[in-house]
Protein backbone atom coordinates (compact mmCIF):
# COMPACT_ATOMS: atom_id res chain seq x y z
CA MET A 1 -0.25 -25.56 -43.82
CA THR A 2 2.56 -24.16 -45.95
CA ILE A 3 4.01 -25.52 -49.16
CA ALA A 4 7.63 -24.96 -48.01
CA ALA A 5 6.83 -27.44 -44.90
CA THR A 6 5.40 -29.98 -47.19
CA PHE A 7 8.27 -29.62 -49.64
CA CYS A 8 10.92 -30.16 -46.82
CA ALA A 9 8.93 -32.95 -45.16
CA THR A 10 8.83 -34.73 -48.58
CA LEU A 11 12.67 -34.20 -49.02
CA VAL A 12 13.31 -35.64 -45.44
CA ASP A 13 10.85 -38.72 -46.06
CA GLU A 14 12.69 -39.59 -49.23
CA TRP A 15 16.22 -39.17 -47.68
CA VAL A 16 15.12 -41.72 -45.03
CA ARG A 17 13.77 -44.06 -47.49
CA ALA A 18 17.27 -43.87 -49.21
CA GLY A 19 19.07 -44.79 -46.02
CA VAL A 20 20.00 -41.53 -44.34
CA THR A 21 20.11 -41.88 -40.67
CA ASP A 22 21.46 -38.63 -39.28
CA ALA A 23 21.37 -34.83 -39.83
CA PHE A 24 23.69 -32.02 -38.48
CA VAL A 25 22.06 -28.82 -37.94
CA ALA A 26 23.49 -25.32 -37.40
CA PRO A 27 20.96 -22.88 -35.97
CA GLY A 28 19.60 -20.10 -38.06
CA SER A 29 16.35 -18.41 -39.31
CA ARG A 30 16.16 -18.91 -43.06
CA SER A 31 16.85 -22.70 -42.65
CA THR A 32 13.60 -22.91 -40.35
CA PRO A 33 11.44 -24.96 -42.75
CA LEU A 34 14.18 -27.74 -43.40
CA ALA A 35 15.43 -27.74 -39.63
CA LEU A 36 11.72 -28.30 -38.52
CA ALA A 37 11.25 -31.02 -41.07
CA LEU A 38 14.42 -32.86 -39.92
CA ALA A 39 13.37 -32.43 -36.22
CA ARG A 40 9.82 -33.86 -37.02
CA GLU A 41 11.18 -36.97 -38.52
CA PRO A 42 11.49 -39.60 -35.65
CA ARG A 43 13.59 -41.97 -37.98
CA LEU A 44 16.37 -39.42 -37.88
CA ARG A 45 19.10 -38.63 -35.48
CA ILE A 46 19.53 -34.78 -35.07
CA HIS A 47 22.85 -33.20 -33.93
CA VAL A 48 22.89 -29.48 -33.34
CA PHE A 49 26.19 -27.46 -33.51
CA HIS A 50 26.71 -23.79 -32.71
CA ASP A 51 28.67 -23.18 -35.86
CA GLU A 52 28.43 -24.36 -39.46
CA ARG A 53 32.05 -25.55 -39.78
CA SER A 54 31.63 -27.85 -36.88
CA ALA A 55 28.39 -29.19 -38.11
CA SER A 56 29.93 -29.72 -41.65
CA PHE A 57 32.88 -31.66 -40.35
CA ALA A 58 30.91 -33.72 -37.88
CA ALA A 59 28.74 -34.86 -40.77
CA LEU A 60 31.91 -35.56 -42.76
CA GLY A 61 33.03 -37.74 -39.77
CA HIS A 62 29.59 -39.71 -40.05
CA GLY A 63 30.25 -40.46 -43.63
CA LEU A 64 33.91 -41.27 -43.17
CA ALA A 65 32.93 -43.87 -40.45
CA THR A 66 29.78 -45.25 -42.09
CA GLY A 67 29.96 -44.75 -45.85
CA THR A 68 26.48 -43.26 -45.58
CA PRO A 69 25.74 -39.68 -46.37
CA ALA A 70 24.36 -37.44 -43.49
CA VAL A 71 22.67 -34.17 -44.11
CA VAL A 72 24.08 -30.93 -42.93
CA THR A 73 22.16 -27.74 -43.09
CA CYS A 74 22.59 -24.14 -42.35
CA THR A 75 21.01 -20.71 -42.76
CA SER A 76 21.82 -18.14 -45.45
CA GLY A 77 24.66 -15.77 -46.08
CA THR A 78 28.33 -16.34 -44.92
CA ALA A 79 26.90 -19.36 -42.90
CA ALA A 80 27.22 -21.34 -46.14
CA ALA A 81 30.71 -20.37 -46.82
CA HIS A 82 31.83 -22.02 -43.59
CA LEU A 83 30.89 -25.42 -44.95
CA HIS A 84 33.37 -25.16 -47.79
CA ALA A 85 36.39 -26.56 -46.24
CA ALA A 86 34.42 -29.83 -45.20
CA VAL A 87 33.05 -30.09 -48.76
CA ILE A 88 36.41 -29.83 -50.15
CA GLU A 89 37.75 -32.65 -47.96
CA ALA A 90 34.67 -34.74 -48.66
CA SER A 91 35.25 -34.34 -52.30
CA LEU A 92 38.96 -35.43 -52.27
CA SER A 93 38.41 -38.24 -49.84
CA SER A 94 35.33 -39.59 -51.64
CA VAL A 95 33.15 -39.27 -48.55
CA PRO A 96 29.34 -39.00 -49.08
CA LEU A 97 27.90 -35.78 -47.84
CA LEU A 98 24.58 -34.18 -48.33
CA VAL A 99 24.95 -30.32 -47.99
CA CYS A 100 21.81 -28.17 -47.82
CA THR A 101 22.15 -24.53 -47.77
CA THR A 102 19.18 -22.18 -47.30
CA ASP A 103 18.63 -19.10 -49.12
CA ARG A 104 16.55 -15.84 -49.36
CA PRO A 105 13.99 -16.00 -52.34
CA PRO A 106 14.85 -14.53 -55.86
CA GLU A 107 13.14 -11.21 -55.10
CA LEU A 108 15.45 -10.54 -52.14
CA GLN A 109 18.63 -11.27 -54.23
CA GLY A 110 20.81 -8.20 -55.36
CA VAL A 111 18.75 -5.69 -53.52
CA GLY A 112 20.79 -5.35 -50.12
CA ALA A 113 18.57 -7.53 -48.33
CA PRO A 114 20.42 -8.64 -44.87
CA GLN A 115 22.22 -11.89 -44.77
CA THR A 116 22.13 -12.44 -48.59
CA VAL A 117 25.02 -13.55 -50.70
CA ASP A 118 25.23 -15.31 -54.19
CA GLN A 119 24.88 -19.05 -53.05
CA THR A 120 24.44 -20.30 -56.58
CA LYS A 121 26.86 -23.13 -57.27
CA LEU A 122 28.82 -21.77 -54.18
CA PHE A 123 31.18 -24.93 -53.99
CA GLY A 124 31.66 -24.92 -57.70
CA ASP A 125 32.82 -28.05 -59.30
CA VAL A 126 33.91 -29.60 -56.02
CA VAL A 127 30.51 -31.35 -55.65
CA ARG A 128 29.31 -34.29 -57.39
CA HIS A 129 25.84 -32.83 -58.17
CA TYR A 130 24.04 -29.57 -57.55
CA GLU A 131 20.32 -28.84 -57.39
CA ALA A 132 18.68 -25.43 -57.24
CA PRO A 133 14.96 -26.30 -57.08
CA GLY A 134 13.81 -22.67 -56.15
CA VAL A 135 11.10 -21.66 -53.92
CA ALA A 136 8.58 -24.50 -53.56
CA VAL A 137 5.48 -24.33 -55.81
CA ASP A 138 2.60 -26.68 -56.41
CA GLU A 139 3.72 -27.34 -59.98
CA MET A 140 6.94 -28.84 -58.81
CA THR A 141 5.56 -31.60 -56.30
CA GLY A 142 6.04 -34.44 -58.84
CA ALA A 143 9.55 -33.65 -59.02
CA TRP A 144 10.33 -33.46 -55.26
CA ARG A 145 10.95 -37.10 -54.41
CA SER A 146 13.22 -37.41 -57.41
CA ILE A 147 15.31 -34.39 -56.50
CA ALA A 148 15.75 -35.89 -52.94
CA SER A 149 16.24 -39.45 -54.01
CA ARG A 150 18.92 -38.43 -56.74
CA LEU A 151 20.89 -36.45 -54.10
CA VAL A 152 21.57 -39.42 -52.19
CA ALA A 153 22.34 -41.68 -55.24
CA GLU A 154 24.85 -39.03 -56.40
CA ALA A 155 26.46 -38.62 -52.90
CA ARG A 156 26.93 -42.48 -52.98
CA GLY A 157 28.61 -42.34 -56.24
CA ALA A 158 25.90 -42.82 -59.04
CA SER A 159 27.85 -40.67 -61.43
CA GLY A 160 31.39 -42.17 -60.52
CA GLN A 161 32.77 -41.57 -57.03
CA PRO A 162 31.11 -40.92 -53.73
CA GLY A 163 31.42 -37.47 -52.50
CA PRO A 164 29.47 -34.27 -51.46
CA VAL A 165 26.43 -33.00 -53.18
CA HIS A 166 24.88 -29.52 -52.83
CA MET A 167 21.38 -28.35 -52.92
CA ASN A 168 20.47 -24.55 -52.39
CA LEU A 169 16.97 -24.06 -51.20
CA GLY A 170 15.07 -20.67 -51.35
CA PHE A 171 12.34 -20.03 -48.60
CA ARG A 172 9.79 -17.30 -48.45
CA ASP A 173 8.18 -16.17 -45.40
CA PRO A 174 6.17 -17.57 -43.55
CA LEU A 175 9.13 -19.88 -42.40
CA VAL A 176 7.12 -21.66 -39.89
CA GLY A 177 4.39 -23.93 -40.82
CA ASP A 178 3.03 -27.63 -40.76
CA PRO A 179 3.16 -29.90 -43.96
CA ASP A 180 0.15 -31.04 -45.79
CA ASP A 181 -0.26 -34.48 -47.23
CA LEU A 182 3.00 -35.50 -49.06
CA PRO A 183 3.16 -36.57 -52.56
CA PRO A 184 3.07 -40.38 -52.66
CA GLY A 185 6.18 -42.42 -52.65
CA ARG A 186 7.14 -45.86 -53.86
CA PRO A 187 5.17 -48.64 -52.19
CA GLY A 188 6.80 -50.28 -49.24
CA GLY A 189 8.84 -47.40 -48.05
CA ALA A 190 11.29 -47.85 -51.10
CA PRO A 191 13.34 -44.82 -52.29
CA TRP A 192 12.28 -43.11 -55.51
CA HIS A 193 15.30 -44.07 -57.41
CA VAL A 194 17.38 -47.18 -56.84
CA ASP A 195 20.91 -47.17 -58.37
CA ALA A 196 21.67 -50.78 -58.81
CA ARG A 197 25.09 -50.15 -60.18
CA GLY A 198 26.47 -49.57 -56.67
CA PRO A 199 28.53 -46.86 -55.38
CA LEU A 200 31.35 -47.40 -57.95
CA TYR A 201 29.71 -49.20 -60.95
CA GLY A 202 31.93 -50.79 -63.32
CA SER A 203 34.71 -50.84 -60.96
CA GLU A 204 35.80 -54.44 -60.91
CA CYS A 205 39.13 -55.08 -62.46
CA SER A 206 38.90 -56.76 -65.80
CA GLN A 207 40.72 -59.84 -66.67
CA GLY A 208 42.65 -58.01 -69.37
CA GLU A 209 43.93 -55.62 -66.52
CA ILE A 210 44.96 -58.52 -64.24
CA THR A 211 46.87 -60.28 -67.17
CA GLU A 212 48.64 -56.97 -68.04
CA VAL A 213 49.71 -56.53 -64.33
CA TRP A 214 50.94 -60.27 -64.04
CA ASN A 215 53.08 -59.96 -67.14
CA ARG A 216 54.72 -56.86 -65.76
CA ILE A 217 55.46 -58.46 -62.23
CA ARG A 218 56.18 -62.03 -62.45
CA GLY A 219 59.69 -63.15 -61.64
CA LEU A 220 60.69 -59.64 -60.61
CA GLU A 221 62.01 -57.96 -57.22
CA GLY A 222 59.11 -55.76 -56.14
CA ALA A 223 57.16 -54.25 -53.29
CA ILE A 224 53.60 -53.57 -52.54
CA VAL A 225 52.47 -50.09 -51.12
CA ALA A 226 49.03 -50.05 -49.55
CA GLY A 227 47.27 -46.93 -48.32
CA ALA A 228 43.59 -45.68 -47.38
CA GLY A 229 41.10 -46.98 -49.95
CA THR A 230 42.57 -50.40 -50.35
CA THR A 231 39.45 -52.47 -50.84
CA GLU A 232 40.87 -56.09 -50.24
CA PRO A 233 43.36 -55.93 -47.42
CA SER A 234 43.46 -59.60 -46.81
CA ALA A 235 43.99 -60.37 -50.60
CA VAL A 236 46.87 -57.82 -50.65
CA LEU A 237 48.58 -59.47 -47.67
CA THR A 238 48.09 -62.96 -49.43
CA LEU A 239 49.49 -61.51 -52.68
CA GLY A 240 52.58 -60.14 -50.81
CA GLN A 241 53.16 -63.68 -49.47
CA LYS A 242 52.79 -65.39 -52.65
CA LEU A 243 55.20 -63.06 -54.45
CA GLY A 244 57.66 -62.84 -51.57
CA TRP A 245 57.30 -59.09 -51.63
CA PRO A 246 57.24 -56.68 -48.67
CA VAL A 247 53.95 -54.81 -48.01
CA LEU A 248 54.54 -51.41 -46.88
CA ALA A 249 51.26 -50.49 -45.36
CA ASP A 250 49.77 -47.51 -43.46
CA HIS A 251 47.13 -48.19 -40.71
CA ARG A 252 44.30 -46.74 -42.87
CA SER A 253 44.76 -49.51 -45.53
CA GLY A 254 43.72 -52.38 -43.23
CA CYS A 255 46.85 -54.19 -44.38
CA ARG A 256 48.99 -53.87 -41.14
CA ALA A 257 49.56 -57.39 -39.78
CA GLU A 258 52.15 -58.82 -37.55
CA GLY A 259 54.75 -60.78 -39.52
CA ARG A 260 53.09 -59.90 -42.95
CA SER A 261 53.67 -56.12 -43.33
CA ILE A 262 56.21 -53.64 -42.64
CA VAL A 263 55.87 -51.27 -39.65
CA HIS A 264 58.82 -49.10 -39.92
CA ALA A 265 59.16 -48.60 -43.57
CA ASP A 266 59.82 -44.89 -43.33
CA SER A 267 62.84 -45.52 -41.19
CA LEU A 268 64.06 -48.36 -43.37
CA LEU A 269 63.72 -46.30 -46.30
CA ARG A 270 66.08 -43.55 -44.84
CA VAL A 271 68.80 -46.07 -44.74
CA GLU A 272 70.74 -45.81 -48.09
CA ALA A 273 72.72 -49.08 -47.52
CA PHE A 274 69.34 -50.98 -46.86
CA THR A 275 67.64 -49.53 -50.07
CA GLU A 276 70.80 -50.17 -51.96
CA ALA A 277 70.99 -53.77 -50.82
CA ASN A 278 67.18 -54.33 -51.67
CA PRO A 279 66.47 -52.91 -55.06
CA VAL A 280 63.17 -53.20 -56.70
CA ASP A 281 62.14 -53.63 -60.33
CA VAL A 282 58.54 -52.78 -59.72
CA ILE A 283 56.14 -51.48 -57.17
CA LEU A 284 52.47 -52.23 -57.03
CA ARG A 285 50.59 -49.51 -55.22
CA PHE A 286 46.99 -49.89 -53.88
CA GLY A 287 44.76 -47.07 -52.56
CA ARG A 288 45.98 -43.59 -51.73
CA PRO A 289 49.52 -42.41 -51.12
CA LEU A 290 50.92 -42.71 -47.72
CA ALA A 291 52.04 -39.64 -45.64
CA GLY A 292 55.73 -40.24 -45.23
CA LYS A 293 58.09 -38.19 -47.57
CA ALA A 294 60.74 -41.08 -47.53
CA LEU A 295 58.66 -43.32 -49.58
CA SER A 296 57.94 -40.79 -52.09
CA GLN A 297 61.79 -40.00 -52.37
CA TRP A 298 62.60 -43.62 -52.56
CA LEU A 299 60.15 -43.98 -55.48
CA THR A 300 61.71 -41.04 -57.48
CA ALA A 301 65.26 -42.40 -56.64
CA SER A 302 64.71 -45.83 -57.55
CA ASN A 303 62.44 -45.23 -60.72
CA PRO A 304 60.81 -48.57 -60.70
CA ASP A 305 58.02 -49.80 -62.94
CA LEU A 306 55.23 -48.16 -60.92
CA ILE A 307 51.71 -49.72 -61.17
CA VAL A 308 48.88 -47.72 -59.57
CA ALA A 309 45.78 -49.57 -58.63
CA SER A 310 42.99 -47.07 -57.65
CA GLU A 311 39.28 -46.25 -57.74
CA PRO A 312 37.84 -45.19 -61.02
CA GLY A 313 38.00 -41.36 -61.56
CA ARG A 314 40.94 -41.09 -59.30
CA TRP A 315 44.60 -40.15 -60.51
CA ASP A 316 46.87 -40.94 -57.40
CA ASP A 317 50.33 -40.35 -58.89
CA PRO A 318 51.98 -37.48 -57.03
CA GLU A 319 55.49 -38.51 -58.13
CA ARG A 320 54.37 -38.60 -61.83
CA LEU A 321 55.95 -42.10 -62.14
CA ALA A 322 52.95 -44.40 -62.98
CA ALA A 323 53.83 -46.58 -65.79
CA LEU A 324 50.37 -48.31 -65.58
CA THR A 325 47.14 -47.29 -63.98
CA VAL A 326 44.53 -50.05 -63.27
CA THR A 327 41.30 -50.77 -61.44
CA GLU A 328 41.86 -51.50 -57.72
CA GLU A 329 38.69 -53.54 -57.07
CA GLY A 330 39.49 -57.22 -57.55
CA LEU A 331 43.07 -56.66 -58.72
CA ALA A 332 44.79 -58.37 -55.73
CA ARG A 333 42.16 -61.25 -55.75
CA GLY A 334 42.62 -61.99 -59.41
CA LEU A 335 46.55 -61.74 -59.18
CA VAL A 336 46.44 -64.34 -56.22
CA SER A 337 44.30 -66.78 -58.47
CA HIS A 338 46.96 -66.11 -61.41
CA ILE A 339 50.00 -67.14 -59.54
CA PRO A 340 51.00 -70.85 -60.30
CA SER A 341 51.09 -73.28 -57.53
CA ASP A 342 54.71 -73.93 -58.30
CA TYR A 343 55.78 -70.19 -58.52
CA THR A 344 59.08 -69.55 -56.53
CA PRO A 345 58.54 -66.37 -54.39
CA SER A 346 61.23 -63.72 -54.00
CA ASP A 347 63.32 -63.66 -50.87
CA SER A 348 63.17 -59.84 -50.59
CA GLY A 349 59.95 -59.96 -48.34
CA ARG A 350 61.87 -62.05 -45.81
CA ARG A 351 64.71 -59.58 -45.70
CA TRP A 352 62.49 -56.57 -45.20
CA LEU A 353 60.61 -58.50 -42.38
CA HIS A 354 63.86 -59.20 -40.74
CA ALA A 355 65.10 -55.50 -41.04
CA ASP A 356 61.57 -54.58 -39.55
CA VAL A 357 61.93 -56.69 -36.54
CA THR A 358 65.39 -54.97 -35.70
CA ALA A 359 63.74 -51.69 -36.02
CA GLN A 360 60.72 -52.61 -33.95
CA GLN A 361 63.11 -53.85 -31.20
CA ILE A 362 65.11 -50.71 -31.41
CA VAL A 363 62.04 -48.51 -31.16
CA ALA A 364 60.57 -50.45 -28.21
CA GLU A 365 63.87 -50.06 -26.35
CA LEU A 366 64.43 -46.30 -26.91
CA ILE A 367 60.83 -45.31 -26.45
CA ASP A 368 58.99 -47.96 -24.33
CA GLY A 369 61.98 -49.00 -22.18
CA ALA A 370 61.39 -52.71 -23.36
CA GLY A 371 65.04 -53.89 -23.38
CA PRO A 372 68.42 -53.63 -21.71
CA GLY A 373 69.34 -50.29 -23.10
CA LYS A 374 68.56 -46.92 -21.57
CA PRO A 375 65.27 -45.46 -22.98
CA LEU A 376 64.97 -41.83 -24.07
CA GLU A 377 63.78 -39.53 -21.11
CA GLY A 378 60.52 -37.48 -20.93
CA VAL A 379 57.43 -37.59 -22.80
CA THR A 380 58.04 -38.28 -26.58
CA GLU A 381 55.58 -37.73 -29.48
CA ILE A 382 56.53 -41.05 -30.86
CA GLY A 383 55.76 -42.70 -27.46
CA VAL A 384 52.38 -40.89 -27.21
CA ALA A 385 51.41 -42.28 -30.69
CA ARG A 386 52.55 -45.80 -29.90
CA HIS A 387 50.76 -45.74 -26.52
CA VAL A 388 47.47 -44.46 -27.94
CA VAL A 389 47.51 -47.10 -30.76
CA SER A 390 48.43 -49.98 -28.49
CA THR A 391 45.99 -49.20 -25.74
CA MET A 392 42.85 -48.41 -27.87
CA LYS A 393 39.64 -50.69 -27.13
CA PRO A 394 39.34 -53.63 -29.87
CA GLY A 395 36.64 -52.12 -32.36
CA GLY A 396 37.47 -48.71 -31.56
CA ALA A 397 38.04 -45.78 -34.17
CA LEU A 398 41.25 -43.66 -34.09
CA VAL A 399 40.95 -40.35 -35.81
CA VAL A 400 44.58 -39.03 -36.61
CA ALA A 401 45.28 -35.21 -37.37
CA SER A 402 47.44 -34.25 -40.35
CA SER A 403 50.84 -32.94 -39.70
CA MET A 404 52.90 -34.98 -37.10
CA PRO A 405 50.36 -37.24 -35.58
CA VAL A 406 49.44 -39.17 -38.85
CA ARG A 407 53.11 -39.57 -39.54
CA ASP A 408 54.12 -40.76 -36.10
CA VAL A 409 51.21 -43.32 -36.20
CA GLU A 410 52.36 -44.40 -39.73
CA TRP A 411 55.90 -44.69 -38.89
CA PHE A 412 56.07 -46.04 -35.44
CA ALA A 413 52.79 -47.36 -34.00
CA PRO A 414 52.30 -51.00 -33.60
CA ASN A 415 49.90 -53.29 -35.83
CA ARG A 416 46.37 -53.13 -34.60
CA ARG A 417 43.89 -54.83 -37.11
CA ASN A 418 41.08 -54.65 -34.65
CA ILE A 419 40.76 -50.91 -34.65
CA ARG A 420 39.88 -48.65 -37.56
CA VAL A 421 42.21 -45.48 -38.46
CA LEU A 422 40.53 -42.61 -39.94
CA ALA A 423 41.99 -39.37 -41.12
CA ASN A 424 41.10 -36.30 -43.36
CA ARG A 425 43.81 -36.68 -45.88
CA GLY A 426 42.04 -35.71 -48.78
CA ALA A 427 43.31 -31.88 -48.56
CA ASN A 428 45.62 -32.79 -45.60
CA GLY A 429 44.24 -29.88 -43.76
CA ILE A 430 43.90 -29.26 -39.96
CA ASP A 431 40.30 -27.94 -40.39
CA GLY A 432 37.48 -29.35 -38.32
CA LEU A 433 39.44 -32.30 -36.77
CA ILE A 434 37.62 -32.34 -33.32
CA ALA A 435 34.25 -32.11 -35.08
CA THR A 436 35.28 -34.89 -37.45
CA ALA A 437 36.02 -37.06 -34.38
CA VAL A 438 32.78 -36.10 -32.91
CA GLY A 439 30.97 -37.10 -35.93
CA VAL A 440 32.69 -40.44 -35.82
CA ALA A 441 31.85 -40.85 -32.22
CA LEU A 442 28.21 -40.06 -32.78
CA THR A 443 27.93 -43.32 -34.99
CA GLY A 444 28.33 -45.19 -31.45
CA ALA A 445 32.09 -46.04 -31.86
CA SER A 446 34.43 -45.53 -29.15
CA THR A 447 36.62 -43.08 -30.67
CA THR A 448 39.99 -41.54 -29.91
CA LEU A 449 41.32 -38.41 -31.57
CA LEU A 450 45.20 -37.88 -31.60
CA ILE A 451 45.78 -34.24 -32.47
CA GLY A 452 48.34 -31.41 -32.26
CA ASP A 453 47.77 -28.31 -30.20
CA VAL A 454 47.54 -25.93 -33.19
CA ALA A 455 44.71 -28.00 -34.91
CA PHE A 456 43.09 -28.39 -31.52
CA LEU A 457 42.91 -24.46 -31.14
CA HIS A 458 41.96 -24.36 -34.72
CA ASP A 459 38.81 -26.19 -34.18
CA SER A 460 38.19 -24.92 -30.66
CA PRO A 461 34.52 -23.98 -31.56
CA ALA A 462 33.75 -27.73 -31.64
CA LEU A 463 34.29 -27.77 -27.95
CA VAL A 464 31.02 -25.70 -27.29
CA ALA A 465 28.45 -27.98 -25.67
CA LEU A 466 30.74 -31.07 -26.40
CA ALA A 467 30.45 -32.00 -22.56
CA ARG A 468 26.57 -32.55 -23.10
CA ARG A 469 27.07 -35.18 -25.99
CA ARG A 470 26.51 -38.62 -24.88
CA ILE A 471 29.46 -40.18 -26.75
CA ASP A 472 32.76 -41.93 -26.00
CA LEU A 473 35.43 -39.67 -27.09
CA THR A 474 39.08 -39.22 -25.74
CA ILE A 475 41.07 -36.38 -27.32
CA VAL A 476 44.89 -36.76 -26.87
CA VAL A 477 46.53 -33.35 -27.52
CA ILE A 478 50.18 -33.24 -28.26
CA ASP A 479 51.12 -29.74 -26.83
CA ASN A 480 54.35 -28.43 -27.99
CA ASP A 481 53.26 -24.77 -28.01
CA GLY A 482 53.21 -24.34 -31.73
CA GLY A 483 53.56 -25.95 -35.20
CA GLY A 484 55.79 -28.89 -34.50
CA ILE A 485 55.94 -30.29 -38.01
CA PHE A 486 57.82 -27.05 -39.24
CA SER A 487 60.74 -27.94 -37.19
CA PHE A 488 61.39 -30.87 -39.43
CA LEU A 489 61.38 -28.55 -42.58
CA PRO A 490 64.28 -26.76 -44.13
CA GLN A 491 62.87 -23.41 -42.74
CA ALA A 492 64.00 -24.63 -39.42
CA ASP A 493 67.52 -24.63 -40.29
CA GLN A 494 67.54 -21.76 -43.04
CA VAL A 495 65.43 -19.08 -41.29
CA ASP A 496 66.87 -17.23 -38.13
CA THR A 497 65.32 -18.23 -34.84
CA ASP A 498 63.10 -15.19 -34.11
CA THR A 499 61.59 -15.21 -37.60
CA PHE A 500 61.09 -18.98 -37.64
CA GLU A 501 59.15 -18.75 -34.36
CA LYS A 502 57.06 -15.77 -35.65
CA LEU A 503 55.99 -17.28 -38.98
CA PHE A 504 56.29 -21.03 -38.41
CA GLY A 505 56.60 -22.11 -34.85
CA THR A 506 53.74 -19.78 -33.91
CA PRO A 507 53.69 -20.33 -30.13
CA HIS A 508 50.20 -19.67 -28.61
CA GLY A 509 50.84 -19.90 -24.91
CA THR A 510 47.20 -21.35 -24.39
CA ASP A 511 46.45 -23.40 -21.18
CA LEU A 512 44.47 -26.18 -22.94
CA VAL A 513 43.42 -27.78 -19.77
CA ALA A 514 41.91 -24.56 -18.67
CA LEU A 515 40.26 -24.12 -22.08
CA CYS A 516 38.56 -27.56 -21.86
CA SER A 517 37.56 -26.78 -18.14
CA ALA A 518 35.84 -23.49 -19.22
CA HIS A 519 33.67 -25.80 -21.53
CA GLY A 520 33.08 -28.29 -18.76
CA ILE A 521 35.10 -31.02 -20.25
CA PRO A 522 37.31 -33.08 -17.96
CA ALA A 523 40.89 -32.68 -18.90
CA ILE A 524 44.19 -33.24 -17.49
CA ASN A 525 47.99 -32.81 -18.15
CA TRP A 526 49.06 -36.46 -19.04
CA SER A 527 51.80 -38.75 -20.04
CA PRO A 528 51.59 -42.38 -21.23
CA GLY A 529 50.75 -44.70 -18.51
CA ASP A 530 48.91 -42.07 -16.30
CA ASP A 531 45.51 -42.72 -15.32
CA THR A 532 42.60 -41.05 -17.42
CA PRO A 533 39.45 -39.44 -15.98
CA GLY A 534 36.41 -41.45 -16.53
CA GLU A 535 35.74 -44.77 -18.24
CA VAL A 536 33.44 -43.33 -21.00
CA GLY A 537 32.28 -39.91 -22.05
CA VAL A 538 34.34 -36.92 -23.35
CA ARG A 539 37.68 -36.31 -21.87
CA VAL A 540 40.93 -34.55 -23.02
CA LEU A 541 44.40 -35.61 -22.31
CA VAL A 542 47.12 -33.05 -22.84
CA ALA A 543 50.73 -34.35 -23.41
CA ARG A 544 53.34 -31.63 -23.14
CA THR A 545 56.46 -31.87 -25.43
CA ASP A 546 59.13 -29.80 -26.76
CA ARG A 547 59.43 -29.19 -30.55
CA ALA A 548 63.16 -29.01 -30.79
CA GLU A 549 63.57 -32.15 -28.60
CA ASN A 550 60.90 -34.01 -30.66
CA VAL A 551 63.10 -33.53 -33.74
CA ARG A 552 66.12 -34.79 -31.92
CA VAL A 553 64.11 -37.96 -30.71
CA HIS A 554 63.17 -38.81 -34.32
CA ASP A 555 66.86 -38.36 -35.37
CA LYS A 556 68.17 -40.61 -32.64
CA VAL A 557 65.56 -43.18 -33.37
CA ASN A 558 66.26 -43.33 -37.16
CA ALA A 559 70.11 -43.14 -36.50
CA ALA A 560 69.86 -46.09 -34.00
CA ILE A 561 67.79 -48.06 -36.61
CA ALA A 562 70.49 -47.40 -39.35
CA LYS A 563 73.05 -48.65 -36.91
CA GLY A 564 71.18 -51.67 -35.94
CA LEU A 565 70.75 -52.61 -39.67
CA ALA A 566 74.49 -52.16 -40.25
CA GLY A 567 74.97 -54.99 -37.72
């Protein structure tokens, strides 16, 4: 019997009582007491990853998909530093995550002991809560359950917003041991602490806020913008209909609906004649900002009365234009009930929807070949995004990488209210995207990842042993041999070609199909409409495109939409 084993078994028992179902473990020695406790708990699902970054992003994916924190643990030293990127993303995206780093005991700190770094508050203020209970001692047994239970509560948002929490655990030898009797828990398997306030306590929009917003929007021309974090999608769509305003929504908002939201907002906002003919007095924004720059530029140029509805504790105003910030939860529902039955809606929503139908027809003709005109030749990145979204299984989860994939899905993909679209848009990085999708798939969801080649290579360690996982995961890689998004930026025109390719294009020359084959993962070069290997399991589809041609395709589509709107 060892006290470290008893301590760790108590932590794990309390986490399970609090609703934790999954643990993500990176192998190592110093983490042995906790790893053994996790493995011995039959109520937990254990997922082992060969490197710490993959483990942490997979745990992030689990939290992103379920809203429930998973445990991620690793050994001491630089291993803990590899968790930092996922911790940052979890913090900025308000994803619950329970991070447990393990450490050498105090007597081995600062004396040159191997695999020892200062792990005290390693992640700084990024985490919602930090615990350093020290080496387990008998005198602390009465606090163990409270420590474990509070960690879960804080990860779920007990002090404000959900997010990552960090516990740094010091262990002495012997690292292998069996637990003694655990300190008693609450009767009936209840968690030690129950936070009845909920994940965002006090988050319901007040009547005063609803009245203030209503007084600012009634009788005016406006638009609704909805992004990730929108809590009441149906109410937002109903609000748009009753006001007669267009709803500009990305897939992550849950507000994409045929005939009720605008699919090609980015393309429409690039047409100056259209925006001038459809001015707005006020914009009501729910959730997080969208990815497209055209929307941000439109906001800055039109300078409307911007009302931002968001979660408590967040400040989502990148343009610095918000005239009023209110609580998101309950606002749309409250405004709908405020609108009189004889209220005359604006006609702007109808005009936007008419323009959107025109844009949809043009995109379908040019990209899908659905029309009398000649479609653009070859595999297009817009076409890949449209095909992926339109052919996904109902109830599936789509994980979209940052850079161009998230934009092409937002700008051009059709409405699909029967799938979930997820993305790591807190820090907008390309870190750990394969691992994030693996974490989503490990929840049992049929999962598709749409990713670029650089992001795919950036997370290639997540391919290790991926073929052995019993999950349904399709990875669609857009391979344009480099950083495609940079071809849309001023650098592409203002820097000479050789320098641009060296610093921004960054061609890699990697055979992605061969890379996957080395890991035993079925992979093929693919284009939309081709067969795919296997009905379920892990598979990789590589769509080869050209970076310069991709820019031309986007320009042609947007130019055709502008011409179509001009009549």
